[in-house]
PDB file of all heavy atoms in Angstrom:
ATOM      1  N   PHE A   1     -26.443  72.792 -16.636  1.00  0.00           N
ATOM      2  CA  PHE A   1     -27.249  71.586 -16.546  1.00  0.00           C
ATOM      3  C   PHE A   1     -27.366  70.930 -17.920  1.00  0.00           C
ATOM      4  O   PHE A   1     -27.242  71.592 -18.962  1.00  0.00           O
ATOM      5  CB  PHE A   1     -28.664  71.902 -16.048  1.00  0.00           C
ATOM      6  CG  PHE A   1     -28.732  72.401 -14.635  1.00  0.00           C
ATOM      7  CD1 PHE A   1     -29.630  73.407 -14.285  1.00  0.00           C
ATOM      8  CD2 PHE A   1     -27.917  71.888 -13.643  1.00  0.00           C
ATOM      9  CE1 PHE A   1     -29.712  73.878 -12.991  1.00  0.00           C
ATOM     10  CE2 PHE A   1     -27.986  72.353 -12.342  1.00  0.00           C
ATOM     11  CZ  PHE A   1     -28.881  73.348 -12.020  1.00  0.00           C
ATOM     12  N   ASP A   2     -27.635  69.625 -17.919  1.00  0.00           N
ATOM     13  CA  ASP A   2     -28.047  68.936 -19.139  1.00  0.00           C
ATOM     14  C   ASP A   2     -29.552  69.140 -19.255  1.00  0.00           C
ATOM     15  O   ASP A   2     -30.351  68.331 -18.772  1.00  0.00           O
ATOM     16  CB  ASP A   2     -27.691  67.449 -19.064  1.00  0.00           C
ATOM     17  CG  ASP A   2     -27.987  66.710 -20.374  1.00  0.00           C
ATOM     18  OD1 ASP A   2     -28.817  67.211 -21.167  1.00  0.00           O
ATOM     19  OD2 ASP A   2     -27.415  65.623 -20.583  1.00  0.00           O
ATOM     20  N   PHE A   3     -29.952  70.248 -19.883  1.00  0.00           N
ATOM     21  CA  PHE A   3     -31.353  70.648 -19.878  1.00  0.00           C
ATOM     22  C   PHE A   3     -32.250  69.620 -20.570  1.00  0.00           C
ATOM     23  O   PHE A   3     -33.376  69.386 -20.128  1.00  0.00           O
ATOM     24  CB  PHE A   3     -31.509  72.019 -20.539  1.00  0.00           C
ATOM     25  CG  PHE A   3     -30.938  73.150 -19.735  1.00  0.00           C
ATOM     26  CD1 PHE A   3     -29.809  73.817 -20.176  1.00  0.00           C
ATOM     27  CD2 PHE A   3     -31.518  73.527 -18.536  1.00  0.00           C
ATOM     28  CE1 PHE A   3     -29.277  74.870 -19.442  1.00  0.00           C
ATOM     29  CE2 PHE A   3     -30.996  74.579 -17.788  1.00  0.00           C
ATOM     30  CZ  PHE A   3     -29.868  75.241 -18.248  1.00  0.00           C
ATOM     31  N   ASP A   4     -31.777  69.009 -21.650  1.00  0.00           N
ATOM     32  CA  ASP A   4     -32.585  67.995 -22.339  1.00  0.00           C
ATOM     33  C   ASP A   4     -32.862  66.811 -21.423  1.00  0.00           C
ATOM     34  O   ASP A   4     -33.989  66.320 -21.330  1.00  0.00           O
ATOM     35  CB  ASP A   4     -31.871  67.502 -23.603  1.00  0.00           C
ATOM     36  CG  ASP A   4     -31.961  68.501 -24.741  1.00  0.00           C
ATOM     37  OD1 ASP A   4     -32.802  69.427 -24.671  1.00  0.00           O
ATOM     38  OD2 ASP A   4     -31.194  68.358 -25.715  1.00  0.00           O
ATOM     39  N   CYS A   5     -31.820  66.348 -20.744  1.00  0.00           N
ATOM     40  CA  CYS A   5     -31.965  65.191 -19.850  1.00  0.00           C
ATOM     41  C   CYS A   5     -32.926  65.496 -18.710  1.00  0.00           C
ATOM     42  O   CYS A   5     -33.804  64.690 -18.398  1.00  0.00           O
ATOM     43  CB  CYS A   5     -30.591  64.789 -19.312  1.00  0.00           C
ATOM     44  SG  CYS A   5     -30.633  63.367 -18.192  1.00  0.00           S
ATOM     45  N   VAL A   6     -32.768  66.670 -18.083  1.00  0.00           N
ATOM     46  CA  VAL A   6     -33.634  67.031 -16.957  1.00  0.00           C
ATOM     47  C   VAL A   6     -35.083  67.191 -17.419  1.00  0.00           C
ATOM     48  O   VAL A   6     -36.016  66.719 -16.756  1.00  0.00           O
ATOM     49  CB  VAL A   6     -33.135  68.327 -16.283  1.00  0.00           C
ATOM     50  CG1 VAL A   6     -34.098  68.750 -15.176  1.00  0.00           C
ATOM     51  CG2 VAL A   6     -31.742  68.119 -15.698  1.00  0.00           C
ATOM     52  N   TRP A   7     -35.280  67.843 -18.581  1.00  0.00           N
ATOM     53  CA  TRP A   7     -36.648  68.035 -19.084  1.00  0.00           C
ATOM     54  C   TRP A   7     -37.319  66.692 -19.338  1.00  0.00           C
ATOM     55  O   TRP A   7     -38.484  66.474 -18.948  1.00  0.00           O
ATOM     56  CB  TRP A   7     -36.636  68.869 -20.365  1.00  0.00           C
ATOM     57  CG  TRP A   7     -38.002  69.292 -20.799  1.00  0.00           C
ATOM     58  CD1 TRP A   7     -38.657  70.443 -20.448  1.00  0.00           C
ATOM     59  CD2 TRP A   7     -38.900  68.575 -21.659  1.00  0.00           C
ATOM     60  NE1 TRP A   7     -39.914  70.480 -21.034  1.00  0.00           N
ATOM     61  CE2 TRP A   7     -40.085  69.350 -21.779  1.00  0.00           C
ATOM     62  CE3 TRP A   7     -38.824  67.363 -22.327  1.00  0.00           C
ATOM     63  CZ2 TRP A   7     -41.173  68.937 -22.545  1.00  0.00           C
ATOM     64  CZ3 TRP A   7     -39.908  66.940 -23.098  1.00  0.00           C
ATOM     65  CH2 TRP A   7     -41.063  67.725 -23.195  1.00  0.00           C
ATOM     66  N   ASN A   8     -36.623  65.759 -19.957  1.00  0.00           N
ATOM     67  CA  ASN A   8     -37.201  64.435 -20.221  1.00  0.00           C
ATOM     68  C   ASN A   8     -37.480  63.688 -18.927  1.00  0.00           C
ATOM     69  O   ASN A   8     -38.484  62.973 -18.807  1.00  0.00           O
ATOM     70  CB  ASN A   8     -36.259  63.618 -21.107  1.00  0.00           C
ATOM     71  CG  ASN A   8     -36.278  64.082 -22.555  1.00  0.00           C
ATOM     72  OD1 ASN A   8     -37.339  64.370 -23.107  1.00  0.00           O
ATOM     73  ND2 ASN A   8     -35.118  64.169 -23.177  1.00  0.00           N
ATOM     74  N   GLN A   9     -36.606  63.853 -17.945  1.00  0.00           N
ATOM     75  CA  GLN A   9     -36.821  63.198 -16.655  1.00  0.00           C
ATOM     76  C   GLN A   9     -38.064  63.747 -15.962  1.00  0.00           C
ATOM     77  O   GLN A   9     -38.856  62.991 -15.389  1.00  0.00           O
ATOM     78  CB  GLN A   9     -35.584  63.382 -15.767  1.00  0.00           C
ATOM     79  CG  GLN A   9     -35.680  62.654 -14.427  1.00  0.00           C
ATOM     80  CD  GLN A   9     -34.407  62.802 -13.593  1.00  0.00           C
ATOM     81  OE1 GLN A   9     -33.495  63.532 -13.965  1.00  0.00           O
ATOM     82  NE2 GLN A   9     -34.352  62.117 -12.473  1.00  0.00           N
ATOM     83  N   ILE A  10     -38.262  65.063 -16.034  1.00  0.00           N
ATOM     84  CA  ILE A  10     -39.439  65.660 -15.402  1.00  0.00           C
ATOM     85  C   ILE A  10     -40.705  65.228 -16.123  1.00  0.00           C
ATOM     86  O   ILE A  10     -41.729  64.928 -15.491  1.00  0.00           O
ATOM     87  CB  ILE A  10     -39.306  67.191 -15.370  1.00  0.00           C
ATOM     88  CG1 ILE A  10     -38.171  67.594 -14.432  1.00  0.00           C
ATOM     89  CG2 ILE A  10     -40.616  67.849 -14.932  1.00  0.00           C
ATOM     90  CD1 ILE A  10     -37.847  69.069 -14.440  1.00  0.00           C
ATOM     91  N   ARG A  11     -40.660  65.169 -17.434  1.00  0.00           N
ATOM     92  CA  ARG A  11     -41.828  64.698 -18.181  1.00  0.00           C
ATOM     93  C   ARG A  11     -42.177  63.268 -17.779  1.00  0.00           C
ATOM     94  O   ARG A  11     -43.346  62.918 -17.621  1.00  0.00           O
ATOM     95  CB  ARG A  11     -41.567  64.785 -19.686  1.00  0.00           C
ATOM     96  CG  ARG A  11     -42.800  64.485 -20.540  1.00  0.00           C
ATOM     97  CD  ARG A  11     -42.481  64.665 -22.013  1.00  0.00           C
ATOM     98  NE  ARG A  11     -43.665  64.487 -22.838  1.00  0.00           N
ATOM     99  CZ  ARG A  11     -44.142  63.308 -23.222  1.00  0.00           C
ATOM    100  NH1 ARG A  11     -43.531  62.200 -22.844  1.00  0.00           N
ATOM    101  NH2 ARG A  11     -45.229  63.231 -23.979  1.00  0.00           N
ATOM    102  N   ASP A  12     -41.163  62.425 -17.605  1.00  0.00           N
ATOM    103  CA  ASP A  12     -41.404  61.048 -17.156  1.00  0.00           C
ATOM    104  C   ASP A  12     -42.023  61.041 -15.758  1.00  0.00           C
ATOM    105  O   ASP A  12     -42.894  60.215 -15.458  1.00  0.00           O
ATOM    106  CB  ASP A  12     -40.099  60.251 -17.152  1.00  0.00           C
ATOM    107  CG  ASP A  12     -39.595  59.935 -18.559  1.00  0.00           C
ATOM    108  OD1 ASP A  12     -40.400  60.029 -19.515  1.00  0.00           O
ATOM    109  OD2 ASP A  12     -38.404  59.591 -18.703  1.00  0.00           O
ATOM    110  N   CYS A  13     -41.579  61.942 -14.889  1.00  0.00           N
ATOM    111  CA  CYS A  13     -42.144  62.042 -13.541  1.00  0.00           C
ATOM    112  C   CYS A  13     -43.630  62.408 -13.602  1.00  0.00           C
ATOM    113  O   CYS A  13     -44.444  61.867 -12.843  1.00  0.00           O
ATOM    114  CB  CYS A  13     -41.392  63.080 -12.719  1.00  0.00           C
ATOM    115  SG  CYS A  13     -39.764  62.578 -12.141  1.00  0.00           S
ATOM    116  N   ILE A  14     -43.983  63.335 -14.487  1.00  0.00           N
ATOM    117  CA  ILE A  14     -45.384  63.738 -14.633  1.00  0.00           C
ATOM    118  C   ILE A  14     -46.236  62.547 -15.037  1.00  0.00           C
ATOM    119  O   ILE A  14     -47.301  62.290 -14.452  1.00  0.00           O
ATOM    120  CB  ILE A  14     -45.497  64.881 -15.671  1.00  0.00           C
ATOM    121  CG1 ILE A  14     -44.806  66.142 -15.149  1.00  0.00           C
ATOM    122  CG2 ILE A  14     -46.967  65.175 -15.985  1.00  0.00           C
ATOM    123  CD1 ILE A  14     -44.657  67.238 -16.206  1.00  0.00           C
ATOM    124  N   LEU A  15     -45.768  61.795 -16.023  1.00  0.00           N
ATOM    125  CA  LEU A  15     -46.528  60.628 -16.488  1.00  0.00           C
ATOM    126  C   LEU A  15     -46.618  59.558 -15.401  1.00  0.00           C
ATOM    127  O   LEU A  15     -47.674  58.950 -15.205  1.00  0.00           O
ATOM    128  CB  LEU A  15     -45.868  60.049 -17.743  1.00  0.00           C
ATOM    129  CG  LEU A  15     -45.751  60.988 -18.951  1.00  0.00           C
ATOM    130  CD1 LEU A  15     -45.105  60.262 -20.121  1.00  0.00           C
ATOM    131  CD2 LEU A  15     -47.101  61.535 -19.353  1.00  0.00           C
ATOM    132  N   GLU A  16     -45.513  59.333 -14.696  1.00  0.00           N
ATOM    133  CA  GLU A  16     -45.494  58.317 -13.645  1.00  0.00           C
ATOM    134  C   GLU A  16     -46.421  58.684 -12.489  1.00  0.00           C
ATOM    135  O   GLU A  16     -47.199  57.848 -12.006  1.00  0.00           O
ATOM    136  CB  GLU A  16     -44.066  58.133 -13.127  1.00  0.00           C
ATOM    137  CG  GLU A  16     -43.945  57.128 -11.991  1.00  0.00           C
ATOM    138  CD  GLU A  16     -42.536  57.052 -11.429  1.00  0.00           C
ATOM    139  OE1 GLU A  16     -41.586  57.518 -12.112  1.00  0.00           O
ATOM    140  OE2 GLU A  16     -42.365  56.536 -10.300  1.00  0.00           O
ATOM    141  N   ALA A  17     -46.351  59.923 -12.040  1.00  0.00           N
ATOM    142  CA  ALA A  17     -47.176  60.336 -10.903  1.00  0.00           C
ATOM    143  C   ALA A  17     -48.654  60.371 -11.264  1.00  0.00           C
ATOM    144  O   ALA A  17     -49.514  60.073 -10.433  1.00  0.00           O
ATOM    145  CB  ALA A  17     -46.720  61.701 -10.401  1.00  0.00           C
ATOM    146  N   PHE A  18     -48.966  60.760 -12.483  1.00  0.00           N
ATOM    147  CA  PHE A  18     -50.357  60.788 -12.921  1.00  0.00           C
ATOM    148  C   PHE A  18     -50.928  59.382 -13.044  1.00  0.00           C
ATOM    149  O   PHE A  18     -52.061  59.118 -12.621  1.00  0.00           O
ATOM    150  CB  PHE A  18     -50.469  61.504 -14.271  1.00  0.00           C
ATOM    151  CG  PHE A  18     -51.858  61.533 -14.836  1.00  0.00           C
ATOM    152  CD1 PHE A  18     -52.759  62.532 -14.469  1.00  0.00           C
ATOM    153  CD2 PHE A  18     -52.279  60.571 -15.749  1.00  0.00           C
ATOM    154  CE1 PHE A  18     -54.048  62.557 -14.986  1.00  0.00           C
ATOM    155  CE2 PHE A  18     -53.564  60.590 -16.269  1.00  0.00           C
ATOM    156  CZ  PHE A  18     -54.447  61.588 -15.894  1.00  0.00           C
ATOM    157  N   SER A  19     -50.159  58.467 -13.591  1.00  0.00           N
ATOM    158  CA  SER A  19     -50.684  57.148 -13.959  1.00  0.00           C
ATOM    159  C   SER A  19     -50.572  56.113 -12.853  1.00  0.00           C
ATOM    160  O   SER A  19     -51.448  55.252 -12.705  1.00  0.00           O
ATOM    161  CB  SER A  19     -49.942  56.639 -15.205  1.00  0.00           C
ATOM    162  OG  SER A  19     -50.017  57.568 -16.260  1.00  0.00           O
ATOM    163  N   GLY A  20     -49.477  56.136 -12.086  1.00  0.00           N
ATOM    164  CA  GLY A  20     -49.219  55.067 -11.144  1.00  0.00           C
ATOM    165  C   GLY A  20     -48.548  53.888 -11.822  1.00  0.00           C
ATOM    166  O   GLY A  20     -48.212  53.943 -13.014  1.00  0.00           O
ATOM    167  N   PRO A  21     -48.337  52.772 -11.102  1.00  0.00           N
ATOM    168  CA  PRO A  21     -47.673  51.601 -11.680  1.00  0.00           C
ATOM    169  C   PRO A  21     -48.410  51.103 -12.926  1.00  0.00           C
ATOM    170  O   PRO A  21     -49.643  51.132 -12.970  1.00  0.00           O
ATOM    171  CB  PRO A  21     -47.739  50.562 -10.549  1.00  0.00           C
ATOM    172  CG  PRO A  21     -47.863  51.373  -9.300  1.00  0.00           C
ATOM    173  CD  PRO A  21     -48.661  52.580  -9.676  1.00  0.00           C
ATOM    174  N   PRO A  22     -47.677  50.636 -13.956  1.00  0.00           N
ATOM    175  CA  PRO A  22     -48.311  50.272 -15.220  1.00  0.00           C
ATOM    176  C   PRO A  22     -49.276  49.101 -15.132  1.00  0.00           C
ATOM    177  O   PRO A  22     -50.196  48.998 -15.945  1.00  0.00           O
ATOM    178  CB  PRO A  22     -47.121  49.939 -16.134  1.00  0.00           C
ATOM    179  CG  PRO A  22     -45.976  49.660 -15.217  1.00  0.00           C
ATOM    180  CD  PRO A  22     -46.211  50.518 -14.014  1.00  0.00           C
ATOM    181  N   ASP A  23     -49.089  48.217 -14.158  1.00  0.00           N
ATOM    182  CA  ASP A  23     -49.953  47.041 -14.085  1.00  0.00           C
ATOM    183  C   ASP A  23     -51.169  47.250 -13.194  1.00  0.00           C
ATOM    184  O   ASP A  23     -52.094  46.433 -13.204  1.00  0.00           O
ATOM    185  CB  ASP A  23     -49.164  45.828 -13.576  1.00  0.00           C
ATOM    186  CG  ASP A  23     -48.542  46.078 -12.209  1.00  0.00           C
ATOM    187  OD1 ASP A  23     -48.410  47.266 -11.814  1.00  0.00           O
ATOM    188  OD2 ASP A  23     -48.191  45.097 -11.532  1.00  0.00           O
ATOM    189  N   SER A  24     -51.194  48.342 -12.433  1.00  0.00           N
ATOM    190  CA  SER A  24     -52.303  48.514 -11.492  1.00  0.00           C
ATOM    191  C   SER A  24     -52.791  49.947 -11.366  1.00  0.00           C
ATOM    192  O   SER A  24     -53.932  50.199 -10.987  1.00  0.00           O
ATOM    193  CB  SER A  24     -51.893  48.012 -10.098  1.00  0.00           C
ATOM    194  OG  SER A  24     -50.777  48.750  -9.614  1.00  0.00           O
ATOM    195  N   GLY A  25     -51.940  50.920 -11.659  1.00  0.00           N
ATOM    196  CA  GLY A  25     -52.301  52.308 -11.452  1.00  0.00           C
ATOM    197  C   GLY A  25     -52.216  52.696  -9.990  1.00  0.00           C
ATOM    198  O   GLY A  25     -51.761  51.924  -9.142  1.00  0.00           O
ATOM    199  N   GLU A  26     -52.658  53.915  -9.679  1.00  0.00           N
ATOM    200  CA  GLU A  26     -52.690  54.399  -8.300  1.00  0.00           C
ATOM    201  C   GLU A  26     -53.905  55.299  -8.127  1.00  0.00           C
ATOM    202  O   GLU A  26     -54.162  56.164  -8.963  1.00  0.00           O
ATOM    203  CB  GLU A  26     -51.410  55.158  -7.965  1.00  0.00           C
ATOM    204  CG  GLU A  26     -51.321  55.577  -6.506  1.00  0.00           C
ATOM    205  CD  GLU A  26     -49.943  56.100  -6.138  1.00  0.00           C
ATOM    206  OE1 GLU A  26     -49.040  56.047  -6.991  1.00  0.00           O
ATOM    207  OE2 GLU A  26     -49.782  56.567  -5.000  1.00  0.00           O
ATOM    208  N   TYR A  27     -54.648  55.073  -7.048  1.00  0.00           N
ATOM    209  CA  TYR A  27     -55.913  55.783  -6.863  1.00  0.00           C
ATOM    210  C   TYR A  27     -55.676  57.269  -6.610  1.00  0.00           C
ATOM    211  O   TYR A  27     -54.804  57.664  -5.836  1.00  0.00           O
ATOM    212  CB  TYR A  27     -56.680  55.187  -5.683  1.00  0.00           C
ATOM    213  CG  TYR A  27     -58.041  55.821  -5.474  1.00  0.00           C
ATOM    214  CD1 TYR A  27     -59.095  55.534  -6.329  1.00  0.00           C
ATOM    215  CD2 TYR A  27     -58.258  56.709  -4.422  1.00  0.00           C
ATOM    216  CE1 TYR A  27     -60.352  56.109  -6.143  1.00  0.00           C
ATOM    217  CE2 TYR A  27     -59.502  57.294  -4.229  1.00  0.00           C
ATOM    218  CZ  TYR A  27     -60.535  56.992  -5.094  1.00  0.00           C
ATOM    219  OH  TYR A  27     -61.773  57.571  -4.914  1.00  0.00           O
ATOM    220  N   SER A  28     -56.478  58.087  -7.278  1.00  0.00           N
ATOM    221  CA  SER A  28     -56.435  59.533  -7.087  1.00  0.00           C
ATOM    222  C   SER A  28     -57.729  59.985  -6.428  1.00  0.00           C
ATOM    223  O   SER A  28     -58.801  59.866  -7.026  1.00  0.00           O
ATOM    224  CB  SER A  28     -56.268  60.253  -8.423  1.00  0.00           C
ATOM    225  OG  SER A  28     -56.469  61.648  -8.261  1.00  0.00           O
ATOM    226  N   PRO A  29     -57.671  60.515  -5.190  1.00  0.00           N
ATOM    227  CA  PRO A  29     -58.890  60.968  -4.524  1.00  0.00           C
ATOM    228  C   PRO A  29     -59.357  62.350  -4.966  1.00  0.00           C
ATOM    229  O   PRO A  29     -60.444  62.778  -4.624  1.00  0.00           O
ATOM    230  CB  PRO A  29     -58.491  60.981  -3.049  1.00  0.00           C
ATOM    231  CG  PRO A  29     -57.026  61.279  -3.072  1.00  0.00           C
ATOM    232  CD  PRO A  29     -56.495  60.605  -4.305  1.00  0.00           C
ATOM    233  N   SER A  30     -58.517  63.059  -5.743  1.00  0.00           N
ATOM    234  CA  SER A  30     -58.884  64.394  -6.214  1.00  0.00           C
ATOM    235  C   SER A  30     -57.863  64.849  -7.241  1.00  0.00           C
ATOM    236  O   SER A  30     -56.736  64.335  -7.303  1.00  0.00           O
ATOM    237  CB  SER A  30     -58.923  65.408  -5.062  1.00  0.00           C
ATOM    238  OG  SER A  30     -57.616  65.627  -4.554  1.00  0.00           O
ATOM    239  N   TYR A  31     -58.250  65.843  -8.040  1.00  0.00           N
ATOM    240  CA  TYR A  31     -57.298  66.460  -8.954  1.00  0.00           C
ATOM    241  C   TYR A  31     -56.177  67.129  -8.176  1.00  0.00           C
ATOM    242  O   TYR A  31     -55.020  67.133  -8.597  1.00  0.00           O
ATOM    243  CB  TYR A  31     -58.017  67.490  -9.830  1.00  0.00           C
ATOM    244  CG  TYR A  31     -58.825  66.879 -10.950  1.00  0.00           C
ATOM    245  CD1 TYR A  31     -60.157  66.486 -10.754  1.00  0.00           C
ATOM    246  CD2 TYR A  31     -58.271  66.690 -12.208  1.00  0.00           C
ATOM    247  CE1 TYR A  31     -60.892  65.919 -11.783  1.00  0.00           C
ATOM    248  CE2 TYR A  31     -58.997  66.133 -13.246  1.00  0.00           C
ATOM    249  CZ  TYR A  31     -60.316  65.749 -13.028  1.00  0.00           C
ATOM    250  OH  TYR A  31     -61.036  65.180 -14.038  1.00  0.00           O
ATOM    251  N   GLN A  32     -56.514  67.713  -7.023  1.00  0.00           N
ATOM    252  CA  GLN A  32     -55.505  68.400  -6.227  1.00  0.00           C
ATOM    253  C   GLN A  32     -54.405  67.442  -5.762  1.00  0.00           C
ATOM    254  O   GLN A  32     -53.222  67.775  -5.778  1.00  0.00           O
ATOM    255  CB  GLN A  32     -56.165  69.076  -5.016  1.00  0.00           C
ATOM    256  CG  GLN A  32     -57.028  70.275  -5.365  1.00  0.00           C
ATOM    257  CD  GLN A  32     -58.466  69.906  -5.714  1.00  0.00           C
ATOM    258  OE1 GLN A  32     -58.757  68.768  -6.057  1.00  0.00           O
ATOM    259  NE2 GLN A  32     -59.366  70.883  -5.625  1.00  0.00           N
ATOM    260  N   LYS A  33     -54.827  66.239  -5.322  1.00  0.00           N
ATOM    261  CA  LYS A  33     -53.840  65.257  -4.865  1.00  0.00           C
ATOM    262  C   LYS A  33     -52.956  64.804  -6.009  1.00  0.00           C
ATOM    263  O   LYS A  33     -51.741  64.599  -5.827  1.00  0.00           O
ATOM    264  CB  LYS A  33     -54.556  64.060  -4.235  1.00  0.00           C
ATOM    265  CG  LYS A  33     -53.613  62.992  -3.689  1.00  0.00           C
ATOM    266  CD  LYS A  33     -52.671  63.559  -2.631  1.00  0.00           C
ATOM    267  CE  LYS A  33     -51.754  62.479  -2.072  1.00  0.00           C
ATOM    268  NZ  LYS A  33     -50.751  63.052  -1.138  1.00  0.00           N
ATOM    269  N   THR A  34     -53.519  64.671  -7.190  1.00  0.00           N
ATOM    270  CA  THR A  34     -52.715  64.299  -8.362  1.00  0.00           C
ATOM    271  C   THR A  34     -51.681  65.366  -8.667  1.00  0.00           C
ATOM    272  O   THR A  34     -50.522  65.060  -8.958  1.00  0.00           O
ATOM    273  CB  THR A  34     -53.627  64.065  -9.577  1.00  0.00           C
ATOM    274  OG1 THR A  34     -54.473  62.937  -9.317  1.00  0.00           O
ATOM    275  CG2 THR A  34     -52.814  63.797 -10.838  1.00  0.00           C
ATOM    276  N   VAL A  35     -52.072  66.632  -8.606  1.00  0.00           N
ATOM    277  CA  VAL A  35     -51.137  67.728  -8.834  1.00  0.00           C
ATOM    278  C   VAL A  35     -49.997  67.679  -7.810  1.00  0.00           C
ATOM    279  O   VAL A  35     -48.816  67.793  -8.164  1.00  0.00           O
ATOM    280  CB  VAL A  35     -51.870  69.086  -8.772  1.00  0.00           C
ATOM    281  CG1 VAL A  35     -50.877  70.242  -8.649  1.00  0.00           C
ATOM    282  CG2 VAL A  35     -52.740  69.272 -10.008  1.00  0.00           C
ATOM    283  N   ASN A  36     -50.327  67.482  -6.531  1.00  0.00           N
ATOM    284  CA  ASN A  36     -49.306  67.423  -5.491  1.00  0.00           C
ATOM    285  C   ASN A  36     -48.390  66.226  -5.683  1.00  0.00           C
ATOM    286  O   ASN A  36     -47.171  66.320  -5.467  1.00  0.00           O
ATOM    287  CB  ASN A  36     -49.966  67.364  -4.112  1.00  0.00           C
ATOM    288  CG  ASN A  36     -48.948  67.273  -2.988  1.00  0.00           C
ATOM    289  OD1 ASN A  36     -48.713  66.200  -2.449  1.00  0.00           O
ATOM    290  ND2 ASN A  36     -48.330  68.394  -2.639  1.00  0.00           N
ATOM    291  N   ARG A  37     -48.951  65.108  -6.096  1.00  0.00           N
ATOM    292  CA  ARG A  37     -48.150  63.903  -6.319  1.00  0.00           C
ATOM    293  C   ARG A  37     -47.114  64.152  -7.417  1.00  0.00           C
ATOM    294  O   ARG A  37     -45.965  63.725  -7.310  1.00  0.00           O
ATOM    295  CB  ARG A  37     -49.072  62.739  -6.695  1.00  0.00           C
ATOM    296  CG  ARG A  37     -48.400  61.380  -6.758  1.00  0.00           C
ATOM    297  CD  ARG A  37     -49.447  60.319  -7.082  1.00  0.00           C
ATOM    298  NE  ARG A  37     -50.348  60.124  -5.950  1.00  0.00           N
ATOM    299  CZ  ARG A  37     -51.602  59.667  -6.067  1.00  0.00           C
ATOM    300  NH1 ARG A  37     -52.109  59.413  -7.263  1.00  0.00           N
ATOM    301  NH2 ARG A  37     -52.338  59.498  -5.002  1.00  0.00           N
ATOM    302  N   ILE A  38     -47.514  64.851  -8.461  1.00  0.00           N
ATOM    303  CA  ILE A  38     -46.584  65.189  -9.540  1.00  0.00           C
ATOM    304  C   ILE A  38     -45.456  66.065  -9.014  1.00  0.00           C
ATOM    305  O   ILE A  38     -44.264  65.812  -9.254  1.00  0.00           O
ATOM    306  CB  ILE A  38     -47.327  65.910 -10.687  1.00  0.00           C
ATOM    307  CG1 ILE A  38     -48.231  64.924 -11.437  1.00  0.00           C
ATOM    308  CG2 ILE A  38     -46.345  66.568 -11.644  1.00  0.00           C
ATOM    309  CD1 ILE A  38     -49.166  65.581 -12.427  1.00  0.00           C
ATOM    310  N   GLN A  39     -45.809  67.103  -8.255  1.00  0.00           N
ATOM    311  CA  GLN A  39     -44.797  68.033  -7.755  1.00  0.00           C
ATOM    312  C   GLN A  39     -43.822  67.355  -6.803  1.00  0.00           C
ATOM    313  O   GLN A  39     -42.603  67.579  -6.873  1.00  0.00           O
ATOM    314  CB  GLN A  39     -45.487  69.206  -7.061  1.00  0.00           C
ATOM    315  CG  GLN A  39     -46.297  70.083  -8.010  1.00  0.00           C
ATOM    316  CD  GLN A  39     -47.130  71.106  -7.268  1.00  0.00           C
ATOM    317  OE1 GLN A  39     -47.860  70.772  -6.329  1.00  0.00           O
ATOM    318  NE2 GLN A  39     -47.037  72.362  -7.687  1.00  0.00           N
ATOM    319  N   MET A  40     -44.342  66.520  -5.914  1.00  0.00           N
ATOM    320  CA  MET A  40     -43.478  65.845  -4.950  1.00  0.00           C
ATOM    321  C   MET A  40     -42.502  64.898  -5.643  1.00  0.00           C
ATOM    322  O   MET A  40     -41.327  64.804  -5.257  1.00  0.00           O
ATOM    323  CB  MET A  40     -44.335  65.081  -3.936  1.00  0.00           C
ATOM    324  CG  MET A  40     -45.152  65.975  -3.016  1.00  0.00           C
ATOM    325  SD  MET A  40     -44.117  66.995  -1.926  1.00  0.00           S
ATOM    326  CE  MET A  40     -43.473  65.746  -0.815  1.00  0.00           C
ATOM    327  N   LEU A  41     -42.975  64.195  -6.681  1.00  0.00           N
ATOM    328  CA  LEU A  41     -42.091  63.267  -7.390  1.00  0.00           C
ATOM    329  C   LEU A  41     -41.017  64.028  -8.156  1.00  0.00           C
ATOM    330  O   LEU A  41     -39.844  63.630  -8.160  1.00  0.00           O
ATOM    331  CB  LEU A  41     -42.907  62.386  -8.346  1.00  0.00           C
ATOM    332  CG  LEU A  41     -42.128  61.255  -9.017  1.00  0.00           C
ATOM    333  CD1 LEU A  41     -41.582  60.278  -7.972  1.00  0.00           C
ATOM    334  CD2 LEU A  41     -43.018  60.498 -10.017  1.00  0.00           C
TER     335      LEU A  41
END
């Protein structure tokens, strides 16, 4: 694998799933849902 590329991509997924779209965000009903959203992405 290209480990550097995959690691950076996963880090971007964590930030994206936690934050939501940059202009509006995304509502989080719980910490648990945020964790699941990160894993699914």
